[in-house]
Protein backbone atom coordinates (compact mmCIF):
# COMPACT_ATOMS: atom_id res chain seq x y z
CA MET A 1 -0.02 0.00 -0.01
CA ALA A 2 2.96 2.39 0.80
CA HIS A 3 4.49 1.76 -2.43
CA THR A 4 1.32 2.71 -4.37
CA ARG A 5 1.10 5.94 -2.37
CA ALA A 6 4.80 7.04 -2.88
CA ALA A 7 4.25 6.12 -6.84
CA ALA A 8 0.90 8.26 -6.69
CA ALA A 9 2.86 11.10 -4.99
CA TYR A 10 5.77 10.89 -7.32
CA ALA A 11 3.38 11.09 -10.38
CA LEU A 12 1.38 13.91 -8.80
CA SER A 13 4.85 15.79 -8.11
CA HIS A 14 6.02 14.90 -11.49
CA GLU A 15 2.70 16.34 -13.11
CA ILE A 16 2.88 19.52 -11.38
CA ASN A 17 6.55 20.29 -12.07
CA LEU A 18 5.55 19.70 -15.70
CA ARG A 19 2.89 22.03 -15.58
CA ARG A 20 4.89 24.35 -13.58
CA ALA A 21 7.32 24.24 -16.48
CA SER A 22 5.13 24.46 -19.51
CA HIS A 23 1.95 26.56 -18.35
CA PRO A 24 4.10 29.72 -18.42
CA LEU A 25 5.20 29.50 -22.05
CA GLY A 26 1.56 28.51 -23.20
CA LEU A 27 0.42 31.40 -21.38
CA PHE A 28 3.12 33.90 -22.73
CA ALA A 29 2.38 32.38 -26.34
CA VAL A 30 -1.34 32.96 -25.95
CA LEU A 31 -0.56 36.85 -24.47
CA LEU A 32 1.51 37.18 -27.90
CA ALA A 33 -1.26 36.05 -30.06
CA LEU A 34 -3.62 37.97 -28.21
CA TRP A 35 -1.52 41.02 -28.55
CA TRP A 36 -1.27 40.64 -32.47
CA LEU A 37 -4.98 39.82 -32.97
CA GLU A 38 -6.27 42.62 -30.79
CA GLY A 39 -3.33 45.05 -30.19
CA SER A 40 -4.74 48.08 -31.93
CA GLN A 41 -7.95 47.63 -29.67
CA ILE A 42 -5.89 47.31 -26.78
CA ASN A 43 -3.86 50.66 -27.91
CA HIS A 44 -7.14 52.34 -28.14
CA ALA A 45 -8.37 51.34 -24.80
CA ARG A 46 -5.39 52.04 -23.06
CA ALA A 47 -5.25 55.56 -24.61
CA ALA A 48 -9.04 56.04 -23.81
CA LEU A 49 -8.77 55.21 -20.01
CA GLY A 50 -5.59 56.84 -19.63
CA VAL A 51 -3.62 54.44 -18.42
CA ASP A 52 0.22 55.06 -17.83
CA SER A 53 2.38 53.06 -19.70
CA TRP A 54 4.87 52.43 -16.74
CA ILE A 55 2.20 50.78 -14.56
CA LEU A 56 1.42 48.30 -17.63
CA ALA A 57 5.30 47.79 -17.90
CA ALA A 58 5.62 47.22 -14.24
CA LEU A 59 2.80 44.84 -14.09
CA GLY A 60 4.10 43.13 -17.26
CA GLY A 61 7.61 42.75 -15.73
CA VAL A 62 6.09 41.21 -12.41
CA VAL A 63 4.44 38.59 -14.30
CA PHE A 64 7.38 37.84 -16.68
CA VAL A 65 9.54 37.30 -13.76
CA PHE A 66 7.22 35.01 -11.97
CA ALA A 67 6.49 32.84 -15.22
CA ALA A 68 10.29 33.03 -15.86
CA ALA A 69 10.98 31.72 -12.10
CA SER A 70 8.20 28.77 -12.62
CA PHE A 71 9.51 27.77 -15.69
CA VAL A 72 12.98 27.50 -14.46
CA ALA A 73 11.87 25.54 -11.26
CA GLY A 74 9.64 23.16 -13.26
CA VAL A 75 12.31 22.35 -15.80
CA HIS A 76 14.98 21.95 -13.00
CA ARG A 77 12.87 19.45 -11.20
CA CYS A 78 11.46 17.49 -14.17
CA ALA A 79 13.95 17.47 -17.05
CA GLY A 80 14.86 14.21 -18.30
CA THR A 81 12.95 12.08 -16.39
CA PRO A 82 11.11 10.11 -18.98
CA ASP A 83 7.46 8.95 -18.52
CA GLY A 84 5.90 6.94 -21.53
CA LEU A 85 2.38 7.78 -20.31
CA LEU A 86 2.57 11.58 -19.96
CA ALA A 87 4.64 11.63 -23.42
CA THR A 88 1.86 9.67 -25.10
CA ARG A 89 -0.76 12.32 -23.79
CA ALA A 90 1.45 15.53 -24.90
CA VAL A 91 1.67 13.82 -28.24
CA PHE A 92 -2.09 13.55 -28.41
CA LYS A 93 -2.46 17.23 -26.70
CA LEU A 94 0.01 18.49 -29.22
CA ALA A 95 -1.92 16.58 -32.33
CA ALA A 96 -5.44 18.03 -31.28
CA GLY A 97 -4.09 21.53 -30.69
CA ALA A 98 -2.42 21.57 -33.88
CA VAL A 99 -5.68 20.53 -35.69
CA ILE A 100 -7.66 22.97 -33.80
CA CYS A 101 -5.37 25.91 -34.59
CA ALA A 102 -5.05 24.90 -38.10
CA TYR A 103 -8.98 24.22 -38.66
CA VAL A 104 -9.83 27.47 -37.10
CA TRP A 105 -7.13 29.47 -39.02
CA ARG A 106 -8.28 28.17 -42.30
CA LEU A 107 -11.91 29.22 -41.64
CA PRO A 108 -12.99 31.70 -43.96
CA LEU A 109 -14.31 33.74 -41.27
CA TRP A 110 -11.01 34.06 -39.80
CA ARG A 111 -9.83 35.62 -42.85
CA ALA A 112 -12.63 38.01 -43.15
CA TYR A 113 -12.04 38.86 -39.57
CA LEU A 114 -8.42 39.95 -40.30
CA ASP A 115 -9.57 41.66 -43.38
CA ALA A 116 -12.99 43.47 -42.49
CA SER A 117 -13.67 42.75 -38.80
CA LEU A 118 -16.57 40.36 -39.39
CA PHE A 119 -16.20 37.55 -37.16
CA PRO A 120 -18.16 35.66 -34.67
CA TYR A 121 -16.90 35.71 -31.20
CA LEU A 122 -15.97 31.99 -30.70
CA ALA A 123 -13.11 31.45 -33.13
CA PRO A 124 -10.57 33.75 -31.29
CA PRO A 125 -10.72 31.68 -27.92
CA VAL A 126 -11.07 28.41 -29.68
CA PHE A 127 -7.61 29.56 -31.54
CA LEU A 128 -6.11 30.59 -28.37
CA ILE A 129 -6.87 27.39 -26.46
CA GLY A 130 -5.58 25.33 -29.50
CA LEU A 131 -2.45 27.51 -29.17
CA PHE A 132 -2.02 27.01 -25.51
CA CYS A 133 -2.44 23.16 -25.99
CA VAL A 134 0.11 23.02 -28.59
CA VAL A 135 2.88 25.11 -26.77
CA THR A 136 2.32 23.57 -23.46
CA ALA A 137 2.07 19.96 -25.10
CA ALA A 138 5.48 20.72 -27.07
CA VAL A 139 7.34 21.76 -23.86
CA ARG A 140 6.20 18.59 -22.05
CA LEU A 141 7.31 16.62 -24.83
CA LEU A 142 10.43 17.94 -24.98
CA LEU A 143 11.10 17.58 -21.27
CA LEU A 144 9.89 14.20 -21.29
CA VAL A 145 11.80 13.05 -24.30
CA VAL A 146 15.06 14.65 -24.46
CA PRO A 147 17.37 13.01 -22.24
CA LEU A 148 18.75 15.81 -19.79
CA SER A 149 20.15 15.34 -16.47
CA GLY A 150 17.61 16.65 -14.31
CA ALA A 151 17.45 16.80 -10.42
CA LEU A 152 15.17 13.51 -10.28
CA ALA A 153 17.47 11.64 -12.51
CA THR A 154 20.37 12.73 -10.40
CA ILE A 155 18.77 11.39 -7.33
CA ARG A 156 17.73 8.16 -8.99
CA LYS A 157 21.52 7.79 -9.86
CA LEU A 158 22.86 8.40 -6.38
CA LEU A 159 19.98 6.17 -4.83
CA ARG A 160 21.07 3.31 -7.26
CA LYS A 161 24.72 3.98 -6.49
CA ARG A 162 24.31 4.07 -2.78
CA ASN A 163 21.73 1.02 -2.35
CA ARG A 164 24.25 -1.41 -3.85
CA PRO A 165 24.65 -4.30 -1.61
CA ILE A 166 27.42 -3.61 1.13
CA ARG A 167 30.60 -5.52 0.55
CA PRO A 168 31.97 -7.18 3.70
CA ALA A 169 34.66 -5.40 5.60
CA ARG A 170 38.24 -6.40 4.96
CA ARG A 171 39.87 -8.46 7.72
CA PHE A 172 43.30 -7.88 8.73
CA TRP A 173 45.96 -10.38 9.23
CA PHE A 174 45.80 -10.29 12.90
CA TRP A 175 41.96 -10.82 13.39
């Protein structure tokens, strides 16, 4: 029973560290795509509301530092620890996100939105969700497939090395 709990706790912590490493990049990609899609409306709203640029820059800097710290912590804790089930999930998530992005991007209404601002309100959020899935799955897949020496891999090596059977002590000639 204890072994099952330990395995579940390890899987949970590994999943949390993968999330910690991939979600900041996914959110950054979504924010960049949102700025690309709605940048002119955001600038008009900022100008109309009279928000100072330094406040937005400071807020963006805080968010960026938090996301970078979370990404580095997640990569440090889970890089190079292979897990076939999580890698398979990442491949399916990557494929689903790519299909969603490609489908929404090729819609004629999407092109009409970019040209003439005629667009239903559902396609941009669906596209952003697909983009988030693509980026997070790609980061997870890289972390799970590329053989790096992460913290957990180093701990496993040390445990294997230290848990070898103990050799009997040498006996001196006077014993």
